[in-house]
Amino acid sequence: MATTYKLTAQEKADSGYTHAYQLTHADLTETATNTAQVFTLDNVVAGDIIVDCAHHLVTALEDASDGANNDTAITVGETDVDRFLVSTQINVNGTEITTSVTANSVDTFRFAFTAADTLDLTVNSMTAKALNDIDTGELWIFWKKVSLATLVG
């Protein structure tokens, strides 16, 4: 099951990230073709700042029975769905990108939230293909969140 982890103090010190999210092929349950599936990575409140975001593809996604299922791209964002990570290919049949860092739609980071929202991972499907047909793959998303309210309050 897709899970968000708060990293330990040692993991934070080693990586600079505060949170991680693990997604496997088993989490892809969307049965409609050409339909994205959205996963909430984190809840944010006014005063939270996303400082950095990255992805690491442990195993590229694949539908082993259909080599033509070759386009599975992800984005990470909020209302702007690719604010923190622009469309990135993670399908083995579509020239997957193993790791990316802070490639975002507005080319800036340290985004401060002024109201409650969610940090979301969108997994996009392709025409005539359904995400639940993918039968292998493991993806991790990492981000650094600073909560200003906890620093002063």
N, C-alpha and C. Protein backbone atom coordinates (compact mmCIF):
# COMPACT_ATOMS: atom_id res chain seq x y z
N MET A 1 0.84 -1.18 0.00
CA MET A 1 0.00 0.00 0.00
C MET A 1 0.88 1.24 0.00
N ALA A 2 0.54 2.22 -0.84
CA ALA A 2 1.28 3.47 -0.90
C ALA A 2 1.31 4.12 0.48
N THR A 3 2.50 4.55 0.89
CA THR A 3 2.67 5.03 2.25
C THR A 3 3.58 6.25 2.29
N THR A 4 3.23 7.22 3.13
CA THR A 4 4.09 8.37 3.41
C THR A 4 4.86 8.10 4.68
N TYR A 5 6.15 8.39 4.63
CA TYR A 5 7.03 8.21 5.79
C TYR A 5 7.64 9.54 6.19
N LYS A 6 7.65 9.81 7.49
CA LYS A 6 8.47 10.90 8.02
C LYS A 6 9.85 10.30 8.24
N LEU A 7 10.85 10.91 7.64
CA LEU A 7 12.19 10.35 7.76
C LEU A 7 12.74 10.56 9.16
N THR A 8 13.61 9.66 9.57
CA THR A 8 14.25 9.76 10.89
C THR A 8 15.24 10.91 10.89
N ALA A 9 15.66 11.30 12.07
CA ALA A 9 16.64 12.38 12.19
C ALA A 9 17.91 12.05 11.40
N GLN A 10 18.34 10.80 11.45
CA GLN A 10 19.54 10.41 10.71
C GLN A 10 19.32 10.47 9.20
N GLU A 11 18.15 9.99 8.75
CA GLU A 11 17.83 10.05 7.32
C GLU A 11 17.74 11.49 6.83
N LYS A 12 17.16 12.36 7.67
CA LYS A 12 17.08 13.79 7.33
C LYS A 12 18.47 14.39 7.20
N ALA A 13 19.32 14.06 8.15
CA ALA A 13 20.69 14.59 8.13
C ALA A 13 21.46 14.08 6.92
N ASP A 14 21.26 12.82 6.57
CA ASP A 14 21.97 12.23 5.44
C ASP A 14 21.49 12.75 4.09
N SER A 15 20.17 12.99 3.96
CA SER A 15 19.60 13.30 2.64
C SER A 15 19.15 14.75 2.47
N GLY A 16 18.79 15.41 3.55
CA GLY A 16 18.21 16.74 3.45
C GLY A 16 16.70 16.72 3.27
N TYR A 17 16.12 15.54 3.04
CA TYR A 17 14.67 15.43 2.88
C TYR A 17 14.01 15.11 4.21
N THR A 18 12.73 15.48 4.34
CA THR A 18 12.00 15.24 5.58
C THR A 18 10.96 14.13 5.45
N HIS A 19 10.51 13.88 4.21
CA HIS A 19 9.44 12.92 3.97
C HIS A 19 9.74 12.07 2.74
N ALA A 20 9.13 10.89 2.72
CA ALA A 20 9.25 10.00 1.57
C ALA A 20 7.90 9.31 1.36
N TYR A 21 7.67 8.91 0.11
CA TYR A 21 6.43 8.22 -0.25
C TYR A 21 6.81 7.07 -1.17
N GLN A 22 6.35 5.89 -0.84
CA GLN A 22 6.62 4.70 -1.65
C GLN A 22 5.35 4.30 -2.38
N LEU A 23 5.48 4.13 -3.69
CA LEU A 23 4.37 3.68 -4.53
C LEU A 23 4.86 2.46 -5.31
N THR A 24 4.06 1.41 -5.32
CA THR A 24 4.38 0.23 -6.13
C THR A 24 3.26 0.02 -7.15
N HIS A 25 3.52 -0.85 -8.09
CA HIS A 25 2.52 -1.16 -9.12
C HIS A 25 1.20 -1.60 -8.51
N ALA A 26 1.23 -2.23 -7.36
CA ALA A 26 0.01 -2.72 -6.72
C ALA A 26 -0.91 -1.57 -6.29
N ASP A 27 -0.35 -0.37 -6.14
CA ASP A 27 -1.16 0.79 -5.74
C ASP A 27 -1.93 1.38 -6.90
N LEU A 28 -1.58 1.00 -8.11
CA LEU A 28 -2.25 1.53 -9.31
C LEU A 28 -3.52 0.73 -9.55
N THR A 29 -4.64 1.30 -9.16
CA THR A 29 -5.92 0.60 -9.21
C THR A 29 -6.89 1.16 -10.23
N GLU A 30 -6.51 2.23 -10.92
CA GLU A 30 -7.41 2.86 -11.90
C GLU A 30 -7.64 1.92 -13.08
N THR A 31 -8.91 1.58 -13.34
CA THR A 31 -9.25 0.63 -14.39
C THR A 31 -9.68 1.31 -15.69
N ALA A 32 -10.01 2.58 -15.65
CA ALA A 32 -10.43 3.29 -16.86
C ALA A 32 -9.19 3.62 -17.71
N THR A 33 -9.32 3.50 -19.00
CA THR A 33 -8.20 3.82 -19.88
C THR A 33 -8.01 5.33 -19.98
N ASN A 34 -6.75 5.74 -20.23
CA ASN A 34 -6.40 7.14 -20.40
C ASN A 34 -6.85 7.99 -19.21
N THR A 35 -6.73 7.43 -18.00
CA THR A 35 -7.20 8.11 -16.79
C THR A 35 -6.10 8.10 -15.74
N ALA A 36 -5.78 9.28 -15.24
CA ALA A 36 -4.74 9.43 -14.22
C ALA A 36 -5.25 8.98 -12.86
N GLN A 37 -4.31 8.68 -11.97
CA GLN A 37 -4.64 8.37 -10.58
C GLN A 37 -3.82 9.31 -9.71
N VAL A 38 -4.48 9.93 -8.73
CA VAL A 38 -3.84 10.92 -7.86
C VAL A 38 -3.69 10.34 -6.46
N PHE A 39 -2.49 10.52 -5.90
CA PHE A 39 -2.17 10.06 -4.55
C PHE A 39 -1.78 11.27 -3.71
N THR A 40 -2.40 11.40 -2.52
CA THR A 40 -2.03 12.48 -1.62
C THR A 40 -0.77 12.09 -0.87
N LEU A 41 0.29 12.87 -1.06
CA LEU A 41 1.55 12.61 -0.38
C LEU A 41 1.56 13.18 1.03
N ASP A 42 0.98 14.38 1.18
CA ASP A 42 1.09 15.09 2.46
C ASP A 42 0.01 16.16 2.52
N ASN A 43 -0.43 16.45 3.71
CA ASN A 43 -1.31 17.60 3.95
C ASN A 43 -0.44 18.77 4.38
N VAL A 44 -0.73 19.94 3.85
CA VAL A 44 0.03 21.14 4.20
C VAL A 44 -0.94 22.18 4.74
N VAL A 45 -0.39 23.09 5.54
CA VAL A 45 -1.17 24.19 6.09
C VAL A 45 -0.46 25.49 5.77
N ALA A 46 -1.16 26.60 5.98
CA ALA A 46 -0.55 27.91 5.77
C ALA A 46 0.73 28.00 6.60
N GLY A 47 1.80 28.44 5.99
CA GLY A 47 3.09 28.53 6.66
C GLY A 47 4.02 27.38 6.36
N ASP A 48 3.51 26.30 5.77
CA ASP A 48 4.39 25.21 5.33
C ASP A 48 5.10 25.63 4.06
N ILE A 49 6.34 25.22 3.95
CA ILE A 49 7.15 25.54 2.77
C ILE A 49 7.72 24.23 2.22
N ILE A 50 7.53 24.01 0.93
CA ILE A 50 8.19 22.89 0.25
C ILE A 50 9.48 23.45 -0.33
N VAL A 51 10.59 22.90 0.13
CA VAL A 51 11.91 23.40 -0.22
C VAL A 51 12.51 22.62 -1.39
N ASP A 52 12.20 21.34 -1.49
CA ASP A 52 12.83 20.49 -2.49
C ASP A 52 11.94 19.28 -2.74
N CYS A 53 12.08 18.69 -3.93
CA CYS A 53 11.32 17.50 -4.29
C CYS A 53 12.13 16.69 -5.27
N ALA A 54 12.06 15.36 -5.15
CA ALA A 54 12.81 14.48 -6.05
C ALA A 54 12.06 13.16 -6.20
N HIS A 55 12.41 12.42 -7.24
CA HIS A 55 11.88 11.07 -7.38
C HIS A 55 13.04 10.12 -7.61
N HIS A 56 12.84 8.88 -7.17
CA HIS A 56 13.80 7.81 -7.47
C HIS A 56 13.00 6.58 -7.87
N LEU A 57 13.30 6.08 -9.05
CA LEU A 57 12.62 4.92 -9.61
C LEU A 57 13.46 3.68 -9.31
N VAL A 58 13.01 2.88 -8.35
CA VAL A 58 13.73 1.66 -7.98
C VAL A 58 13.59 0.63 -9.09
N THR A 59 12.37 0.43 -9.55
CA THR A 59 12.07 -0.48 -10.66
C THR A 59 11.08 0.22 -11.57
N ALA A 60 11.43 0.35 -12.85
CA ALA A 60 10.54 1.04 -13.80
C ALA A 60 9.20 0.32 -13.89
N LEU A 61 8.14 1.08 -14.09
CA LEU A 61 6.82 0.49 -14.26
C LEU A 61 6.73 -0.20 -15.61
N GLU A 62 5.96 -1.31 -15.63
CA GLU A 62 5.82 -2.06 -16.86
C GLU A 62 4.58 -2.94 -16.81
N ASP A 63 3.93 -3.05 -17.96
CA ASP A 63 2.90 -4.06 -18.17
C ASP A 63 3.60 -5.16 -18.95
N ALA A 64 4.00 -6.23 -18.27
CA ALA A 64 4.82 -7.28 -18.89
C ALA A 64 4.13 -7.95 -20.07
N SER A 65 2.82 -7.88 -20.13
CA SER A 65 2.10 -8.54 -21.23
C SER A 65 1.81 -7.60 -22.39
N ASP A 66 2.23 -6.33 -22.28
CA ASP A 66 1.88 -5.35 -23.32
C ASP A 66 2.99 -4.31 -23.47
N GLY A 67 3.94 -4.58 -24.37
CA GLY A 67 5.03 -3.65 -24.61
C GLY A 67 4.57 -2.32 -25.19
N ALA A 68 3.35 -2.28 -25.72
CA ALA A 68 2.81 -1.03 -26.26
C ALA A 68 2.30 -0.11 -25.15
N ASN A 69 2.21 -0.63 -23.93
CA ASN A 69 1.85 0.20 -22.78
C ASN A 69 3.15 0.87 -22.35
N ASN A 70 3.46 2.03 -22.96
CA ASN A 70 4.80 2.58 -22.84
C ASN A 70 4.87 4.03 -22.37
N ASP A 71 3.79 4.54 -21.81
CA ASP A 71 3.81 5.94 -21.39
C ASP A 71 3.13 6.07 -20.03
N THR A 72 3.93 6.12 -19.00
CA THR A 72 3.42 6.33 -17.64
C THR A 72 4.27 7.44 -17.03
N ALA A 73 3.73 8.63 -17.01
CA ALA A 73 4.47 9.79 -16.53
C ALA A 73 3.87 10.26 -15.21
N ILE A 74 4.72 10.86 -14.38
CA ILE A 74 4.27 11.38 -13.09
C ILE A 74 4.50 12.89 -13.02
N THR A 75 3.73 13.54 -12.16
CA THR A 75 3.97 14.93 -11.76
C THR A 75 3.75 15.01 -10.26
N VAL A 76 4.34 16.02 -9.63
CA VAL A 76 4.10 16.29 -8.21
C VAL A 76 3.77 17.76 -8.09
N GLY A 77 2.68 18.05 -7.38
CA GLY A 77 2.26 19.43 -7.21
C GLY A 77 1.15 19.57 -6.20
N GLU A 78 0.42 20.66 -6.37
CA GLU A 78 -0.76 20.95 -5.56
C GLU A 78 -1.82 21.40 -6.53
N THR A 79 -2.42 22.56 -6.38
CA THR A 79 -3.37 23.04 -7.38
C THR A 79 -2.70 23.10 -8.74
N ASP A 80 -1.46 23.55 -8.77
CA ASP A 80 -0.61 23.47 -9.97
C ASP A 80 0.01 22.07 -9.92
N VAL A 81 -0.52 21.15 -10.71
CA VAL A 81 -0.20 19.72 -10.56
C VAL A 81 1.26 19.38 -10.83
N ASP A 82 2.00 20.28 -11.48
CA ASP A 82 3.42 19.99 -11.72
C ASP A 82 4.34 21.06 -11.13
N ARG A 83 3.89 21.70 -10.07
CA ARG A 83 4.69 22.77 -9.44
C ARG A 83 6.04 22.24 -8.94
N PHE A 84 6.09 21.03 -8.41
CA PHE A 84 7.31 20.53 -7.77
C PHE A 84 8.08 19.52 -8.61
N LEU A 85 7.41 18.84 -9.51
CA LEU A 85 8.08 17.90 -10.41
C LEU A 85 7.27 17.85 -11.70
N VAL A 86 7.91 18.25 -12.81
CA VAL A 86 7.21 18.25 -14.10
C VAL A 86 7.08 16.83 -14.61
N SER A 87 6.33 16.66 -15.66
CA SER A 87 6.06 15.34 -16.23
C SER A 87 7.35 14.57 -16.46
N THR A 88 7.41 13.40 -15.82
CA THR A 88 8.61 12.58 -15.83
C THR A 88 8.22 11.15 -16.15
N GLN A 89 8.85 10.57 -17.15
CA GLN A 89 8.53 9.21 -17.61
C GLN A 89 9.09 8.17 -16.65
N ILE A 90 8.25 7.19 -16.24
CA ILE A 90 8.70 6.13 -15.34
C ILE A 90 8.39 4.74 -15.88
N ASN A 91 8.02 4.65 -17.17
CA ASN A 91 7.70 3.37 -17.79
C ASN A 91 8.92 2.83 -18.52
N VAL A 92 9.25 1.56 -18.31
CA VAL A 92 10.43 0.93 -18.91
C VAL A 92 10.39 0.96 -20.43
N ASN A 93 9.21 0.95 -21.01
CA ASN A 93 9.07 0.95 -22.46
C ASN A 93 9.03 2.37 -23.04
N GLY A 94 9.22 3.36 -22.21
CA GLY A 94 9.12 4.75 -22.68
C GLY A 94 10.31 5.60 -22.31
N THR A 95 11.50 5.03 -22.20
CA THR A 95 12.73 5.73 -21.81
C THR A 95 12.56 6.36 -20.44
N GLU A 96 12.50 5.50 -19.45
CA GLU A 96 12.26 5.95 -18.07
C GLU A 96 13.42 6.80 -17.55
N ILE A 97 13.07 7.71 -16.65
CA ILE A 97 14.04 8.57 -15.98
C ILE A 97 14.15 8.05 -14.55
N THR A 98 15.34 7.61 -14.17
CA THR A 98 15.52 6.95 -12.88
C THR A 98 15.44 7.92 -11.71
N THR A 99 16.05 9.09 -11.84
CA THR A 99 16.09 10.05 -10.74
C THR A 99 15.99 11.46 -11.28
N SER A 100 15.20 12.29 -10.63
CA SER A 100 15.17 13.71 -10.97
C SER A 100 15.00 14.51 -9.68
N VAL A 101 15.51 15.72 -9.72
CA VAL A 101 15.46 16.59 -8.55
C VAL A 101 14.99 17.97 -8.96
N THR A 102 14.02 18.46 -8.26
CA THR A 102 13.52 19.84 -8.36
C THR A 102 13.27 20.35 -9.77
N ALA A 103 12.95 19.49 -10.69
CA ALA A 103 12.48 19.96 -12.00
C ALA A 103 11.01 20.32 -11.81
N ASN A 104 10.70 21.60 -11.88
CA ASN A 104 9.34 22.01 -11.57
C ASN A 104 8.81 23.01 -12.59
N SER A 105 7.53 23.22 -12.58
CA SER A 105 6.87 24.01 -13.62
C SER A 105 7.22 25.48 -13.58
N VAL A 106 7.56 26.01 -12.45
CA VAL A 106 7.83 27.44 -12.34
C VAL A 106 9.31 27.73 -12.12
N ASP A 107 10.14 26.68 -12.12
CA ASP A 107 11.58 26.80 -11.98
C ASP A 107 12.00 27.56 -10.72
N THR A 108 11.21 27.44 -9.69
CA THR A 108 11.57 28.04 -8.41
C THR A 108 11.22 27.06 -7.31
N PHE A 109 11.91 27.19 -6.22
CA PHE A 109 11.54 26.40 -5.05
C PHE A 109 11.45 27.28 -3.84
N ARG A 110 11.21 26.65 -2.74
CA ARG A 110 10.82 27.32 -1.50
C ARG A 110 9.45 27.94 -1.70
N PHE A 111 8.50 27.06 -2.02
CA PHE A 111 7.12 27.48 -2.24
C PHE A 111 6.39 27.51 -0.90
N ALA A 112 5.88 28.67 -0.53
CA ALA A 112 5.17 28.84 0.74
C ALA A 112 3.66 28.73 0.52
N PHE A 113 3.04 27.86 1.28
CA PHE A 113 1.58 27.73 1.22
C PHE A 113 0.94 28.81 2.07
N THR A 114 -0.09 29.44 1.52
CA THR A 114 -0.82 30.48 2.25
C THR A 114 -2.15 29.97 2.78
N ALA A 115 -2.49 28.73 2.43
CA ALA A 115 -3.73 28.10 2.90
C ALA A 115 -3.52 26.59 2.91
N ALA A 116 -4.40 25.90 3.59
CA ALA A 116 -4.32 24.44 3.63
C ALA A 116 -4.48 23.87 2.22
N ASP A 117 -3.76 22.79 1.96
CA ASP A 117 -3.79 22.16 0.64
C ASP A 117 -3.23 20.75 0.80
N THR A 118 -3.01 20.08 -0.31
CA THR A 118 -2.35 18.78 -0.29
C THR A 118 -1.22 18.78 -1.29
N LEU A 119 -0.21 18.00 -0.99
CA LEU A 119 0.88 17.73 -1.91
C LEU A 119 0.51 16.41 -2.60
N ASP A 120 0.44 16.43 -3.94
CA ASP A 120 -0.11 15.30 -4.66
C ASP A 120 0.85 14.75 -5.71
N LEU A 121 0.83 13.43 -5.84
CA LEU A 121 1.51 12.72 -6.92
C LEU A 121 0.43 12.29 -7.91
N THR A 122 0.61 12.66 -9.18
CA THR A 122 -0.30 12.23 -10.23
C THR A 122 0.43 11.24 -11.12
N VAL A 123 -0.16 10.07 -11.30
CA VAL A 123 0.37 9.06 -12.21
C VAL A 123 -0.56 9.06 -13.42
N ASN A 124 0.00 9.43 -14.57
CA ASN A 124 -0.78 9.56 -15.79
C ASN A 124 -0.75 8.28 -16.61
N SER A 125 -1.87 7.97 -17.23
CA SER A 125 -1.99 6.81 -18.10
C SER A 125 -1.93 7.27 -19.55
N MET A 126 -1.93 6.33 -20.46
CA MET A 126 -1.90 6.67 -21.88
C MET A 126 -3.21 6.26 -22.54
N THR A 127 -3.43 6.75 -23.74
CA THR A 127 -4.63 6.43 -24.50
C THR A 127 -4.77 4.91 -24.65
N ALA A 128 -5.96 4.42 -24.39
CA ALA A 128 -6.33 3.01 -24.55
C ALA A 128 -5.63 2.07 -23.57
N LYS A 129 -4.98 2.59 -22.53
CA LYS A 129 -4.31 1.76 -21.53
C LYS A 129 -4.78 2.16 -20.14
N ALA A 130 -4.84 1.19 -19.25
CA ALA A 130 -5.27 1.43 -17.87
C ALA A 130 -4.10 1.20 -16.92
N LEU A 131 -4.03 2.02 -15.88
CA LEU A 131 -2.92 1.91 -14.92
C LEU A 131 -2.90 0.57 -14.19
N ASN A 132 -4.08 -0.01 -13.94
CA ASN A 132 -4.09 -1.26 -13.18
C ASN A 132 -3.50 -2.44 -13.97
N ASP A 133 -3.22 -2.24 -15.26
CA ASP A 133 -2.57 -3.29 -16.06
C ASP A 133 -1.07 -3.37 -15.79
N ILE A 134 -0.51 -2.34 -15.18
CA ILE A 134 0.92 -2.34 -14.88
C ILE A 134 1.16 -3.35 -13.76
N ASP A 135 2.11 -4.26 -13.98
CA ASP A 135 2.31 -5.35 -13.02
C ASP A 135 3.71 -5.42 -12.42
N THR A 136 4.51 -4.39 -12.61
CA THR A 136 5.80 -4.31 -11.93
C THR A 136 6.18 -2.84 -11.78
N GLY A 137 6.95 -2.54 -10.76
CA GLY A 137 7.46 -1.19 -10.58
C GLY A 137 7.41 -0.71 -9.14
N GLU A 138 8.39 0.13 -8.81
CA GLU A 138 8.46 0.75 -7.48
C GLU A 138 9.06 2.14 -7.63
N LEU A 139 8.36 3.13 -7.08
CA LEU A 139 8.73 4.54 -7.17
C LEU A 139 8.76 5.15 -5.77
N TRP A 140 9.75 6.01 -5.53
CA TRP A 140 9.82 6.78 -4.29
C TRP A 140 9.83 8.26 -4.63
N ILE A 141 9.06 9.04 -3.88
CA ILE A 141 9.07 10.50 -3.97
C ILE A 141 9.62 11.01 -2.64
N PHE A 142 10.54 11.98 -2.71
CA PHE A 142 11.12 12.59 -1.51
C PHE A 142 10.87 14.09 -1.56
N TRP A 143 10.61 14.70 -0.40
CA TRP A 143 10.47 16.15 -0.34
C TRP A 143 10.93 16.66 1.01
N LYS A 144 11.29 17.94 1.00
CA LYS A 144 11.67 18.62 2.24
C LYS A 144 10.60 19.65 2.54
N LYS A 145 9.96 19.48 3.70
CA LYS A 145 8.92 20.42 4.12
C LYS A 145 9.37 21.08 5.41
N VAL A 146 9.26 22.39 5.44
CA VAL A 146 9.56 23.17 6.63
C VAL A 146 8.24 23.76 7.11
N SER A 147 7.93 23.56 8.37
CA SER A 147 6.68 24.09 8.94
C SER A 147 7.02 25.26 9.85
N LEU A 148 6.81 26.46 9.37
CA LEU A 148 7.19 27.65 10.14
C LEU A 148 6.42 27.77 11.44
N ALA A 149 5.15 27.36 11.45
CA ALA A 149 4.35 27.48 12.66
C ALA A 149 4.95 26.68 13.81
N THR A 150 5.55 25.53 13.49
CA THR A 150 6.15 24.71 14.56
C THR A 150 7.46 25.31 15.06
N LEU A 151 8.08 26.18 14.27
CA LEU A 151 9.32 26.80 14.71
C LEU A 151 9.09 27.94 15.70
N VAL A 152 7.92 28.59 15.61
CA VAL A 152 7.66 29.75 16.45
C VAL A 152 6.55 29.51 17.46
N GLY A 153 5.84 28.40 17.34
CA GLY A 153 4.68 28.25 18.16
C GLY A 153 4.74 27.10 19.05
